[in-house]
Amino acid sequence: MVIIRSGFHFIAGTAFGIYVAQNYNVPNIQKLINTGLLMAKHYEENYRKPKKSNKSDDIDNDDH
């Protein structure tokens, strides 16, 4: 009985998705995801903390 109920929900959801995709202007999810990832990458590159350098020139070694 559970298999029939699950199968019915799957088929009904698929039919509803096909109907909506054909009759309404559904946004392209993959394009939205790619745009979001591109914006996140741009934000990360612009606002990342600068790396600390371990050069001996930066450390004041007048005592040695």
PDB file of N, CA and C in Angstrom:
ATOM      1  N   MET A   1       0.819  -1.198   0.000  1.00  0.00           N
ATOM      2  CA  MET A   1       0.000   0.000   0.000  1.00  0.00           C
ATOM      3  C   MET A   1       0.859   1.257   0.000  1.00  0.00           C
ATOM      4  N   VAL A   2       1.974   1.204   0.716  1.00  0.00           N
ATOM      5  CA  VAL A   2       2.855   2.372   0.804  1.00  0.00           C
ATOM      6  C   VAL A   2       3.510   2.646  -0.544  1.00  0.00           C
ATOM      7  N   ILE A   3       3.855   1.600  -1.266  1.00  0.00           N
ATOM      8  CA  ILE A   3       4.498   1.772  -2.571  1.00  0.00           C
ATOM      9  C   ILE A   3       3.544   2.459  -3.543  1.00  0.00           C
ATOM     10  N   ILE A   4       2.278   2.092  -3.495  1.00  0.00           N
ATOM     11  CA  ILE A   4       1.284   2.703  -4.392  1.00  0.00           C
ATOM     12  C   ILE A   4       1.110   4.182  -4.043  1.00  0.00           C
ATOM     13  N   ARG A   5       1.052   4.490  -2.758  1.00  0.00           N
ATOM     14  CA  ARG A   5       0.884   5.874  -2.326  1.00  0.00           C
ATOM     15  C   ARG A   5       2.103   6.709  -2.718  1.00  0.00           C
ATOM     16  N   SER A   6       3.312   6.171  -2.515  1.00  0.00           N
ATOM     17  CA  SER A   6       4.528   6.887  -2.881  1.00  0.00           C
ATOM     18  C   SER A   6       4.611   7.082  -4.391  1.00  0.00           C
ATOM     19  N   GLY A   7       4.269   6.058  -5.129  1.00  0.00           N
ATOM     20  CA  GLY A   7       4.262   6.153  -6.589  1.00  0.00           C
ATOM     21  C   GLY A   7       3.282   7.185  -7.090  1.00  0.00           C
ATOM     22  N   PHE A   8       2.106   7.245  -6.461  1.00  0.00           N
ATOM     23  CA  PHE A   8       1.111   8.242  -6.847  1.00  0.00           C
ATOM     24  C   PHE A   8       1.629   9.649  -6.596  1.00  0.00           C
ATOM     25  N   HIS A   9       2.258   9.874  -5.444  1.00  0.00           N
ATOM     26  CA  HIS A   9       2.805  11.203  -5.141  1.00  0.00           C
ATOM     27  C   HIS A   9       3.898  11.587  -6.134  1.00  0.00           C
ATOM     28  N   PHE A  10       4.735  10.638  -6.488  1.00  0.00           N
ATOM     29  CA  PHE A  10       5.799  10.902  -7.456  1.00  0.00           C
ATOM     30  C   PHE A  10       5.226  11.272  -8.821  1.00  0.00           C
ATOM     31  N   ILE A  11       4.264  10.503  -9.290  1.00  0.00           N
ATOM     32  CA  ILE A  11       3.659  10.761 -10.603  1.00  0.00           C
ATOM     33  C   ILE A  11       2.884  12.077 -10.590  1.00  0.00           C
ATOM     34  N   ALA A  12       2.141  12.340  -9.514  1.00  0.00           N
ATOM     35  CA  ALA A  12       1.389  13.594  -9.425  1.00  0.00           C
ATOM     36  C   ALA A  12       2.345  14.788  -9.385  1.00  0.00           C
ATOM     37  N   GLY A  13       3.444  14.687  -8.653  1.00  0.00           N
ATOM     38  CA  GLY A  13       4.430  15.777  -8.590  1.00  0.00           C
ATOM     39  C   GLY A  13       5.099  16.019  -9.928  1.00  0.00           C
ATOM     40  N   THR A  14       5.400  14.944 -10.622  1.00  0.00           N
ATOM     41  CA  THR A  14       6.015  15.068 -11.951  1.00  0.00           C
ATOM     42  C   THR A  14       5.056  15.736 -12.925  1.00  0.00           C
ATOM     43  N   ALA A  15       3.800  15.323 -12.921  1.00  0.00           N
ATOM     44  CA  ALA A  15       2.800  15.915 -13.811  1.00  0.00           C
ATOM     45  C   ALA A  15       2.594  17.388 -13.484  1.00  0.00           C
ATOM     46  N   PHE A  16       2.538  17.710 -12.203  1.00  0.00           N
ATOM     47  CA  PHE A  16       2.372  19.113 -11.801  1.00  0.00           C
ATOM     48  C   PHE A  16       3.581  19.941 -12.237  1.00  0.00           C
ATOM     49  N   GLY A  17       4.786  19.398 -12.077  1.00  0.00           N
ATOM     50  CA  GLY A  17       5.998  20.110 -12.488  1.00  0.00           C
ATOM     51  C   GLY A  17       6.035  20.357 -13.985  1.00  0.00           C
ATOM     52  N   ILE A  18       5.620  19.375 -14.764  1.00  0.00           N
ATOM     53  CA  ILE A  18       5.565  19.541 -16.214  1.00  0.00           C
ATOM     54  C   ILE A  18       4.568  20.621 -16.588  1.00  0.00           C
ATOM     55  N   TYR A  19       3.402  20.601 -15.958  1.00  0.00           N
ATOM     56  CA  TYR A  19       2.370  21.606 -16.233  1.00  0.00           C
ATOM     57  C   TYR A  19       2.875  23.016 -15.925  1.00  0.00           C
ATOM     58  N   VAL A  20       3.489  23.169 -14.753  1.00  0.00           N
ATOM     59  CA  VAL A  20       3.985  24.492 -14.343  1.00  0.00           C
ATOM     60  C   VAL A  20       5.088  24.962 -15.284  1.00  0.00           C
ATOM     61  N   ALA A  21       6.012  24.082 -15.652  1.00  0.00           N
ATOM     62  CA  ALA A  21       7.123  24.455 -16.524  1.00  0.00           C
ATOM     63  C   ALA A  21       6.639  24.879 -17.911  1.00  0.00           C
ATOM     64  N   GLN A  22       5.555  24.272 -18.384  1.00  0.00           N
ATOM     65  CA  GLN A  22       5.056  24.597 -19.713  1.00  0.00           C
ATOM     66  C   GLN A  22       4.186  25.849 -19.734  1.00  0.00           C
ATOM     67  N   ASN A  23       3.509  26.157 -18.631  1.00  0.00           N
ATOM     68  CA  ASN A  23       2.530  27.235 -18.653  1.00  0.00           C
ATOM     69  C   ASN A  23       2.942  28.495 -17.901  1.00  0.00           C
ATOM     70  N   TYR A  24       4.029  28.454 -17.172  1.00  0.00           N
ATOM     71  CA  TYR A  24       4.457  29.613 -16.390  1.00  0.00           C
ATOM     72  C   TYR A  24       5.926  29.893 -16.653  1.00  0.00           C
ATOM     73  N   ASN A  25       6.331  31.121 -16.383  1.00  0.00           N
ATOM     74  CA  ASN A  25       7.718  31.537 -16.575  1.00  0.00           C
ATOM     75  C   ASN A  25       8.516  31.146 -15.339  1.00  0.00           C
ATOM     76  N   VAL A  26       9.080  29.958 -15.347  1.00  0.00           N
ATOM     77  CA  VAL A  26       9.832  29.421 -14.218  1.00  0.00           C
ATOM     78  C   VAL A  26      11.296  29.837 -14.386  1.00  0.00           C
ATOM     79  N   PRO A  27      11.917  30.403 -13.334  1.00  0.00           N
ATOM     80  CA  PRO A  27      13.319  30.826 -13.473  1.00  0.00           C
ATOM     81  C   PRO A  27      14.255  29.628 -13.603  1.00  0.00           C
ATOM     82  N   ASN A  28      15.373  29.872 -14.257  1.00  0.00           N
ATOM     83  CA  ASN A  28      16.393  28.841 -14.430  1.00  0.00           C
ATOM     84  C   ASN A  28      17.209  28.765 -13.141  1.00  0.00           C
ATOM     85  N   ILE A  29      17.021  27.716 -12.373  1.00  0.00           N
ATOM     86  CA  ILE A  29      17.665  27.572 -11.065  1.00  0.00           C
ATOM     87  C   ILE A  29      19.178  27.477 -11.216  1.00  0.00           C
ATOM     88  N   GLN A  30      19.659  26.767 -12.221  1.00  0.00           N
ATOM     89  CA  GLN A  30      21.107  26.622 -12.410  1.00  0.00           C
ATOM     90  C   GLN A  30      21.751  27.983 -12.659  1.00  0.00           C
ATOM     91  N   LYS A  31      21.086  28.850 -13.413  1.00  0.00           N
ATOM     92  CA  LYS A  31      21.623  30.186 -13.670  1.00  0.00           C
ATOM     93  C   LYS A  31      21.648  31.009 -12.379  1.00  0.00           C
ATOM     94  N   LEU A  32      20.611  30.884 -11.553  1.00  0.00           N
ATOM     95  CA  LEU A  32      20.588  31.594 -10.277  1.00  0.00           C
ATOM     96  C   LEU A  32      21.696  31.120  -9.348  1.00  0.00           C
ATOM     97  N   ILE A  33      21.948  29.822  -9.319  1.00  0.00           N
ATOM     98  CA  ILE A  33      23.007  29.272  -8.468  1.00  0.00           C
ATOM     99  C   ILE A  33      24.371  29.761  -8.942  1.00  0.00           C
ATOM    100  N   ASN A  34      24.596  29.733 -10.246  1.00  0.00           N
ATOM    101  CA  ASN A  34      25.880  30.195 -10.780  1.00  0.00           C
ATOM    102  C   ASN A  34      26.105  31.673 -10.486  1.00  0.00           C
ATOM    103  N   THR A  35      25.063  32.483 -10.592  1.00  0.00           N
ATOM    104  CA  THR A  35      25.179  33.906 -10.294  1.00  0.00           C
ATOM    105  C   THR A  35      25.498  34.118  -8.821  1.00  0.00           C
ATOM    106  N   GLY A  36      24.846  33.370  -7.940  1.00  0.00           N
ATOM    107  CA  GLY A  36      25.110  33.481  -6.505  1.00  0.00           C
ATOM    108  C   GLY A  36      26.526  33.088  -6.153  1.00  0.00           C
ATOM    109  N   LEU A  37      27.029  32.003  -6.759  1.00  0.00           N
ATOM    110  CA  LEU A  37      28.400  31.574  -6.506  1.00  0.00           C
ATOM    111  C   LEU A  37      29.409  32.590  -7.022  1.00  0.00           C
ATOM    112  N   LEU A  38      29.129  33.191  -8.172  1.00  0.00           N
ATOM    113  CA  LEU A  38      30.014  34.210  -8.722  1.00  0.00           C
ATOM    114  C   LEU A  38      30.056  35.441  -7.814  1.00  0.00           C
ATOM    115  N   MET A  39      28.899  35.841  -7.295  1.00  0.00           N
ATOM    116  CA  MET A  39      28.856  36.988  -6.380  1.00  0.00           C
ATOM    117  C   MET A  39      29.586  36.680  -5.075  1.00  0.00           C
ATOM    118  N   ALA A  40      29.441  35.466  -4.561  1.00  0.00           N
ATOM    119  CA  ALA A  40      30.131  35.082  -3.325  1.00  0.00           C
ATOM    120  C   ALA A  40      31.640  35.064  -3.537  1.00  0.00           C
ATOM    121  N   LYS A  41      32.088  34.568  -4.674  1.00  0.00           N
ATOM    122  CA  LYS A  41      33.520  34.540  -4.976  1.00  0.00           C
ATOM    123  C   LYS A  41      34.072  35.958  -5.089  1.00  0.00           C
ATOM    124  N   HIS A  42      33.341  36.828  -5.752  1.00  0.00           N
ATOM    125  CA  HIS A  42      33.755  38.226  -5.891  1.00  0.00           C
ATOM    126  C   HIS A  42      33.836  38.902  -4.519  1.00  0.00           C
ATOM    127  N   TYR A  43      32.856  38.667  -3.678  1.00  0.00           N
ATOM    128  CA  TYR A  43      32.835  39.244  -2.329  1.00  0.00           C
ATOM    129  C   TYR A  43      34.025  38.737  -1.516  1.00  0.00           C
ATOM    130  N   GLU A  44      34.296  37.437  -1.612  1.00  0.00           N
ATOM    131  CA  GLU A  44      35.408  36.857  -0.856  1.00  0.00           C
ATOM    132  C   GLU A  44      36.745  37.435  -1.305  1.00  0.00           C
ATOM    133  N   GLU A  45      36.943  37.582  -2.611  1.00  0.00           N
ATOM    134  CA  GLU A  45      38.210  38.111  -3.118  1.00  0.00           C
ATOM    135  C   GLU A  45      38.416  39.569  -2.716  1.00  0.00           C
ATOM    136  N   ASN A  46      37.350  40.339  -2.662  1.00  0.00           N
ATOM    137  CA  ASN A  46      37.488  41.760  -2.343  1.00  0.00           C
ATOM    138  C   ASN A  46      37.623  42.040  -0.857  1.00  0.00           C
ATOM    139  N   TYR A  47      37.047  41.221  -0.013  1.00  0.00           N
ATOM    140  CA  TYR A  47      37.015  41.512   1.417  1.00  0.00           C
ATOM    141  C   TYR A  47      37.812  40.520   2.261  1.00  0.00           C
ATOM    142  N   ARG A  48      38.682  39.754   1.642  1.00  0.00           N
ATOM    143  CA  ARG A  48      39.520  38.800   2.364  1.00  0.00           C
ATOM    144  C   ARG A  48      40.596  39.562   3.133  1.00  0.00           C
ATOM    145  N   LYS A  49      40.922  39.067   4.324  1.00  0.00           N
ATOM    146  CA  LYS A  49      41.991  39.681   5.102  1.00  0.00           C
ATOM    147  C   LYS A  49      43.308  39.461   4.378  1.00  0.00           C
ATOM    148  N   PRO A  50      44.191  40.457   4.408  1.00  0.00           N
ATOM    149  CA  PRO A  50      45.500  40.247   3.774  1.00  0.00           C
ATOM    150  C   PRO A  50      46.313  39.217   4.552  1.00  0.00           C
ATOM    151  N   LYS A  51      47.113  38.446   3.829  1.00  0.00           N
ATOM    152  CA  LYS A  51      47.928  37.421   4.472  1.00  0.00           C
ATOM    153  C   LYS A  51      49.079  38.087   5.221  1.00  0.00           C
ATOM    154  N   LYS A  52      49.422  37.516   6.364  1.00  0.00           N
ATOM    155  CA  LYS A  52      50.556  38.011   7.129  1.00  0.00           C
ATOM    156  C   LYS A  52      51.831  37.473   6.508  1.00  0.00           C
ATOM    157  N   SER A  53      52.811  38.350   6.378  1.00  0.00           N
ATOM    158  CA  SER A  53      54.087  37.893   5.826  1.00  0.00           C
ATOM    159  C   SER A  53      55.034  37.554   6.968  1.00  0.00           C
ATOM    160  N   ASN A  54      55.834  36.548   6.799  1.00  0.00           N
ATOM    161  CA  ASN A  54      56.779  36.097   7.822  1.00  0.00           C
ATOM    162  C   ASN A  54      58.206  36.493   7.468  1.00  0.00           C
ATOM    163  N   LYS A  55      58.362  37.578   6.770  1.00  0.00           N
ATOM    164  CA  LYS A  55      59.690  38.026   6.372  1.00  0.00           C
ATOM    165  C   LYS A  55      60.436  38.592   7.573  1.00  0.00           C
ATOM    166  N   SER A  56      61.730  38.418   7.572  1.00  0.00           N
ATOM    167  CA  SER A  56      62.533  38.945   8.685  1.00  0.00           C
ATOM    168  C   SER A  56      62.641  40.464   8.608  1.00  0.00           C
ATOM    169  N   ASP A  57      62.346  41.061   7.455  1.00  0.00           N
ATOM    170  CA  ASP A  57      62.407  42.514   7.314  1.00  0.00           C
ATOM    171  C   ASP A  57      61.308  43.197   8.108  1.00  0.00           C
ATOM    172  N   ASP A  58      60.191  42.486   8.282  1.00  0.00           N
ATOM    173  CA  ASP A  58      59.058  43.078   8.986  1.00  0.00           C
ATOM    174  C   ASP A  58      59.270  43.084  10.494  1.00  0.00           C
ATOM    175  N   ILE A  59      60.127  42.211  11.000  1.00  0.00           N
ATOM    176  CA  ILE A  59      60.351  42.103  12.446  1.00  0.00           C
ATOM    177  C   ILE A  59      61.538  42.975  12.812  1.00  0.00           C
ATOM    178  N   ASP A  60      61.390  43.713  13.861  1.00  0.00           N
ATOM    179  CA  ASP A  60      62.449  44.610  14.287  1.00  0.00           C
ATOM    180  C   ASP A  60      63.480  43.809  15.069  1.00  0.00           C
ATOM    181  N   ASN A  61      64.623  43.543  14.474  1.00  0.00           N
ATOM    182  CA  ASN A  61      65.666  42.724  15.098  1.00  0.00           C
ATOM    183  C   ASN A  61      66.898  43.562  15.435  1.00  0.00           C
ATOM    184  N   ASP A  62      66.732  44.682  16.094  1.00  0.00           N
ATOM    185  CA  ASP A  62      67.860  45.534  16.439  1.00  0.00           C
ATOM    186  C   ASP A  62      68.658  44.963  17.602  1.00  0.00           C
ATOM    187  N   ASP A  63      68.071  44.061  18.418  1.00  0.00           N
ATOM    188  CA  ASP A  63      68.743  43.522  19.598  1.00  0.00           C
ATOM    189  C   ASP A  63      69.831  42.537  19.223  1.00  0.00           C
ATOM    190  N   HIS A  64      69.794  41.882  18.121  1.00  0.00           N
ATOM    191  CA  HIS A  64      70.718  40.799  17.760  1.00  0.00           C
ATOM    192  C   HIS A  64      71.905  41.321  17.063  1.00  0.00           C
TER     193      HIS A  64
END
